[in-house]
Each structure stands twice: as structure tokens, then as C-alpha cells.
Amino acid sequence: MTPNVTAGTNPSKLFDLSMIENFCRGNQEQVKKMIKVFISQVPQSVEAIKLAYSKHNFSTIKNEAHRIKPILSYYAVLTVEHDIKQIESLAASEATGNELESKINNLDEVVTKIVDELKTY
């Protein structure tokens, strides 16, 4: 049985698989493969962003944020859509301070929750 993960039908969900399901033309095996890609790649990128932040490596932060931005869009992760854009922008301007760190921490929390949900798919 497929869990209810469509944000449109349940606003408490952090993501929506509609675009992925449409892209895969309803092929559930392909959807599962796409979910595995999310689970394996996005948390690694978030970890890379966190490590880069600790080393003030703004170029890596910007590049990793840019890399996962479309992935988050495909999964309709609306809760961090603005944050990921801000992370990329703040890193590009080499901004220091609490705003960048706060957005990175929020991204990490949301991605962790999504991965936990996707693992049950």
C-alpha cells in the first residue's frame, strides 16, 4: 500500500510526489527508484552544505544548494523552497551571521523528516 504523501490532499505533508509520479507515468517501480535517488543524494548535499558552512566555504554551499534546488522542486518541498534560494544567495554574497546558519539548519531538519517518510514508501 502506498502512503499518502501528496501535499495537495494533506497539507501537513512536507512533500508531494505528483510531479515524480507524472514524470514516471505512474510506474511505481520507477517512482521508487526516484525516491531512492532523493534519499541517497539530498542528505549528502545537506551534509556537504553544513560542512562547508563550518569551514566558511561559501562556494561549496552555493553549488550544493544550487544542485538540490530543482530536486526539492520536483518533490514539491514548498516548506524550504524560499530557504534554499536564500542559502544559495547568501552564500554567493558570502554573508555571515545567523540567517544563513538558521536556513541551513531548517533545511537539514526538513530533509531529515522527508527522508524518514520516504523510507516507508
Protein backbone atom coordinates (compact mmCIF):
# COMPACT_ATOMS: atom_id res chain seq x y z
CA MET A 1 0.00 0.00 0.00
CA THR A 2 1.27 3.46 -0.90
CA PRO A 3 1.38 6.02 1.93
CA ASN A 4 -0.48 9.28 1.46
CA VAL A 5 2.33 11.71 0.64
CA THR A 6 0.52 14.17 -1.58
CA ALA A 7 0.76 17.65 -0.14
CA GLY A 8 -2.34 18.70 -2.07
CA THR A 9 -4.53 16.26 -0.16
CA ASN A 10 -2.77 16.55 3.18
CA PRO A 11 -1.29 19.96 3.98
CA SER A 12 0.73 18.54 6.90
CA LYS A 13 2.95 16.63 4.47
CA LEU A 14 6.31 18.14 3.61
CA PHE A 15 6.40 16.96 0.01
CA ASP A 16 4.26 15.85 -2.92
CA LEU A 17 5.11 13.02 -5.29
CA SER A 18 2.66 14.13 -8.01
CA MET A 19 5.35 15.51 -10.31
CA ILE A 20 7.53 12.41 -9.83
CA GLU A 21 4.58 10.10 -10.46
CA ASN A 22 3.66 12.08 -13.57
CA PHE A 23 7.25 12.01 -14.80
CA CYS A 24 7.34 8.24 -14.26
CA ARG A 25 3.93 7.86 -15.93
CA GLY A 26 2.59 6.06 -12.88
CA ASN A 27 5.26 3.34 -12.97
CA GLN A 28 5.63 2.67 -9.24
CA GLU A 29 8.96 0.87 -9.64
CA GLN A 30 10.38 3.95 -11.36
CA VAL A 31 8.89 6.17 -8.62
CA LYS A 32 10.64 4.03 -6.01
CA LYS A 33 13.94 4.42 -7.90
CA MET A 34 13.49 8.19 -7.95
CA ILE A 35 12.79 8.14 -4.21
CA LYS A 36 15.99 6.16 -3.63
CA VAL A 37 17.90 8.82 -5.56
CA PHE A 38 16.42 11.53 -3.32
CA ILE A 39 17.25 9.54 -0.19
CA SER A 40 20.83 8.96 -1.29
CA GLN A 41 21.67 12.36 -2.80
CA VAL A 42 19.83 15.12 -0.97
CA PRO A 43 21.01 14.30 2.59
CA GLN A 44 24.59 14.07 1.28
CA SER A 45 24.27 17.53 -0.23
CA VAL A 46 22.82 18.91 3.00
CA GLU A 47 25.74 17.41 4.93
CA ALA A 48 28.13 18.98 2.41
CA ILE A 49 26.42 22.34 2.94
CA LYS A 50 26.73 22.00 6.72
CA LEU A 51 30.41 21.04 6.49
CA ALA A 52 31.11 23.86 4.05
CA TYR A 53 29.38 26.31 6.38
CA SER A 54 31.58 25.21 9.28
CA LYS A 55 34.62 25.92 7.08
CA HIS A 56 33.21 29.16 5.60
CA ASN A 57 33.40 27.59 2.15
CA PHE A 58 30.69 29.71 0.54
CA SER A 59 31.37 28.41 -2.96
CA THR A 60 30.53 24.84 -1.94
CA ILE A 61 27.43 26.00 -0.06
CA LYS A 62 26.22 27.88 -3.14
CA ASN A 63 26.98 25.00 -5.52
CA GLU A 64 25.33 22.32 -3.37
CA ALA A 65 22.26 24.48 -2.76
CA HIS A 66 22.01 25.11 -6.49
CA ARG A 67 22.34 21.38 -7.18
CA ILE A 68 19.49 20.30 -4.89
CA LYS A 69 17.16 23.22 -5.61
CA PRO A 70 15.49 21.53 -8.63
CA ILE A 71 15.28 18.20 -6.81
CA LEU A 72 13.39 19.85 -3.97
CA SER A 73 11.15 21.48 -6.56
CA TYR A 74 10.36 18.13 -8.23
CA TYR A 75 9.24 16.80 -4.86
CA ALA A 76 7.27 19.99 -4.13
CA VAL A 77 9.15 20.65 -0.90
CA LEU A 78 7.49 24.03 -0.50
CA THR A 79 8.48 24.49 3.14
CA VAL A 80 12.12 25.15 2.20
CA GLU A 81 11.68 26.48 -1.33
CA HIS A 82 12.47 30.04 -0.21
CA ASP A 83 15.21 28.87 2.19
CA ILE A 84 17.17 27.00 -0.48
CA LYS A 85 17.11 30.08 -2.72
CA GLN A 86 18.22 32.22 0.21
CA ILE A 87 21.01 29.78 1.11
CA GLU A 88 22.31 29.99 -2.44
CA SER A 89 22.02 33.79 -2.49
CA LEU A 90 23.56 34.35 0.95
CA ALA A 91 26.44 32.01 0.12
CA ALA A 92 27.02 33.83 -3.17
CA SER A 93 27.38 37.09 -1.25
CA GLU A 94 29.47 35.34 1.44
CA ALA A 95 27.08 36.51 4.12
CA THR A 96 27.95 35.62 7.66
CA GLY A 97 25.59 35.63 10.57
CA ASN A 98 22.62 33.77 11.93
CA GLU A 99 20.38 33.94 8.86
CA LEU A 100 22.43 31.55 6.73
CA GLU A 101 23.00 29.15 9.60
CA SER A 102 19.31 29.19 10.52
CA LYS A 103 18.25 28.41 6.95
CA ILE A 104 20.77 25.58 6.70
CA ASN A 105 19.54 24.10 9.99
CA ASN A 106 15.92 24.33 8.83
CA LEU A 107 16.82 22.66 5.53
CA ASP A 108 18.54 19.86 7.43
CA GLU A 109 15.52 19.30 9.69
CA VAL A 110 13.04 19.24 6.81
CA VAL A 111 15.15 16.94 4.64
CA THR A 112 15.62 14.54 7.56
CA LYS A 113 11.85 14.36 8.09
CA ILE A 114 11.21 13.85 4.38
CA VAL A 115 13.79 11.08 4.13
CA ASP A 116 12.21 9.35 7.14
CA GLU A 117 8.80 9.48 5.42
CA LEU A 118 10.15 8.42 2.03
CA LYS A 119 11.83 5.36 3.56
CA THR A 120 8.35 4.00 4.31
CA TYR A 121 7.29 4.25 0.66
